Amino acid sequence: MNIPRLNGIDHIHLYVGDKNAVAAWYQEILGFKIHPKFKVWNNKNGPMTLEDSSGTIHLALFTRSNQPPIISLAFNTSGIEFLRWVDFLKLHGLKLRITDHQISWSMYFKDPDENMHEITTMDHEWVSERIYR
């Protein structure tokens, strides 16, 4: 099976002590602002999503609890390629956690050194119609 395609990095997860304070810093220093589409996810366990002024760089701020600062990468792909990635990664023995975020789909997996990675697609409706059939 050929390796499915990725479109690029979708966002970077940052684990922080205080999401509001960190968001204010990114706004003042780098010009980031809270992404309005993803405000619904900003709760105790979910991310506060920031974007730069061009809308091309996205940061997902998660509240850190008793762990050192870490970063994980989220890659973006199409709905078709998302389903190909599910099959490809399972074929290679990776344990996947697949999550319906209601406006996107994501799969989470670890590399050999336990770094968490994510592949996500915004083709929510298309994947929803096909993922469990």
Protein backbone atom coordinates (compact mmCIF):
# COMPACT_ATOMS: atom_id res chain seq x y z
CA MET A 1 0.00 0.00 0.00
CA ASN A 2 1.35 3.44 -0.94
CA ILE A 3 1.79 6.02 1.79
CA PRO A 4 -1.28 8.33 1.87
CA ARG A 5 -0.83 12.08 1.31
CA LEU A 6 -0.61 14.85 3.87
CA ASN A 7 -1.39 18.48 3.01
CA GLY A 8 0.86 20.02 5.65
CA ILE A 9 0.88 20.77 9.35
CA ASP A 10 -2.63 21.63 10.52
CA HIS A 11 -1.74 22.84 14.01
CA ILE A 12 0.71 22.42 16.86
CA HIS A 13 -0.38 21.38 20.35
CA LEU A 14 1.15 23.38 23.19
CA TYR A 15 0.59 22.38 26.82
CA VAL A 16 0.52 25.46 29.04
CA GLY A 17 -0.21 26.48 32.63
CA ASP A 18 -2.72 29.25 31.82
CA LYS A 19 -4.33 29.31 28.37
CA ASN A 20 -5.56 32.91 28.70
CA ALA A 21 -2.17 34.27 29.76
CA VAL A 22 -0.36 32.39 26.99
CA ALA A 23 -2.95 33.50 24.40
CA ALA A 24 -2.45 37.11 25.50
CA TRP A 25 1.32 36.71 25.05
CA TYR A 26 0.93 35.23 21.55
CA GLN A 27 -1.45 38.06 20.66
CA GLU A 28 0.80 40.84 21.95
CA ILE A 29 4.12 39.46 20.73
CA LEU A 30 3.25 37.52 17.55
CA GLY A 31 -0.15 38.89 16.53
CA PHE A 32 -2.11 35.65 17.04
CA LYS A 33 -5.82 35.76 17.90
CA ILE A 34 -8.37 33.22 19.06
CA HIS A 35 -9.81 31.34 16.09
CA PRO A 36 -13.60 31.97 16.20
CA LYS A 37 -14.63 28.68 14.55
CA PHE A 38 -13.04 26.61 17.31
CA LYS A 39 -14.17 28.58 20.39
CA VAL A 40 -16.64 25.77 21.13
CA TRP A 41 -13.71 23.47 21.97
CA ASN A 42 -12.18 25.84 24.53
CA ASN A 43 -13.15 24.20 27.82
CA LYS A 44 -11.35 22.49 30.71
CA ASN A 45 -10.07 19.61 28.59
CA GLY A 46 -10.24 21.11 25.11
CA PRO A 47 -7.96 23.50 23.29
CA MET A 48 -8.01 27.24 22.86
CA THR A 49 -7.10 27.54 19.19
CA LEU A 50 -5.08 30.53 18.02
CA GLU A 51 -4.18 31.61 14.50
CA ASP A 52 -1.73 34.10 13.06
CA SER A 53 -2.87 37.11 11.04
CA SER A 54 -2.57 35.20 7.74
CA GLY A 55 -4.68 32.30 9.04
CA THR A 56 -2.01 29.78 8.07
CA ILE A 57 -0.41 29.01 11.46
CA HIS A 58 -2.57 27.44 14.16
CA LEU A 59 -1.73 26.68 17.78
CA ALA A 60 -3.92 24.54 20.05
CA LEU A 61 -3.36 25.50 23.69
CA PHE A 62 -4.16 22.77 26.22
CA THR A 63 -3.98 23.19 29.99
CA ARG A 64 -0.96 21.33 31.33
CA SER A 65 -1.26 19.37 34.54
CA ASN A 66 1.89 18.19 36.34
CA GLN A 67 3.84 17.44 33.18
CA PRO A 68 6.74 19.17 31.52
CA PRO A 69 6.03 21.39 28.52
CA ILE A 70 5.55 19.24 25.41
CA ILE A 71 4.58 19.78 21.80
CA SER A 72 2.78 17.44 19.42
CA LEU A 73 2.14 17.89 15.71
CA ALA A 74 -1.19 17.64 13.91
CA PHE A 75 -1.06 17.01 10.18
CA ASN A 76 -3.86 17.94 7.77
CA THR A 77 -5.26 15.74 5.02
CA SER A 78 -8.39 15.34 2.89
CA GLY A 79 -11.26 13.06 3.87
CA ILE A 80 -10.27 10.45 1.29
CA GLU A 81 -6.68 10.43 2.48
CA PHE A 82 -7.83 10.38 6.13
CA LEU A 83 -9.51 7.01 5.57
CA ARG A 84 -6.44 5.78 3.67
CA TRP A 85 -4.29 6.82 6.68
CA VAL A 86 -6.53 4.81 9.03
CA ASP A 87 -5.94 1.67 6.97
CA PHE A 88 -2.25 2.39 6.41
CA LEU A 89 -1.42 3.03 10.07
CA LYS A 90 -3.42 -0.01 11.25
CA LEU A 91 -1.57 -2.10 8.65
CA HIS A 92 1.67 -0.96 10.29
CA GLY A 93 0.44 -1.99 13.74
CA LEU A 94 -0.14 1.47 15.19
CA LYS A 95 -2.77 1.84 17.86
CA LEU A 96 -5.17 4.61 16.78
CA ARG A 97 -7.63 6.72 18.71
CA ILE A 98 -10.14 8.10 16.20
CA THR A 99 -12.25 11.04 17.36
CA ASP A 100 -15.25 12.80 15.85
CA HIS A 101 -14.89 16.48 16.84
CA GLN A 102 -18.26 17.33 15.23
CA ILE A 103 -16.61 19.72 12.75
CA SER A 104 -13.53 17.63 12.01
CA TRP A 105 -12.20 14.09 12.40
CA SER A 106 -8.85 13.27 13.99
CA MET A 107 -6.77 10.19 14.60
CA TYR A 108 -4.08 10.10 17.27
CA PHE A 109 -1.06 7.81 17.45
CA LYS A 110 2.45 7.67 18.92
CA ASP A 111 5.86 7.36 17.34
CA PRO A 112 8.44 4.88 18.72
CA ASP A 113 9.55 7.43 21.36
CA GLU A 114 5.97 7.98 22.58
CA ASN A 115 5.55 11.41 20.92
CA MET A 116 1.86 11.95 20.16
CA HIS A 117 0.83 12.85 16.62
CA GLU A 118 -2.50 13.62 14.99
CA ILE A 119 -3.85 13.47 11.46
CA THR A 120 -6.97 15.59 11.01
CA THR A 121 -9.44 16.44 8.27
CA MET A 122 -12.05 19.16 7.99
CA ASP A 123 -14.03 16.97 5.54
CA HIS A 124 -16.26 16.03 8.47
CA GLU A 125 -19.48 15.18 6.64
CA TRP A 126 -17.74 13.11 3.97
CA VAL A 127 -15.80 11.04 6.53
CA SER A 128 -18.85 10.70 8.81
CA GLU A 129 -20.77 9.05 5.96
CA ARG A 130 -18.01 6.49 5.36
CA ILE A 131 -15.87 5.83 8.43
CA TYR A 132 -17.83 3.02 10.09
CA ARG A 133 -19.35 1.38 7.01
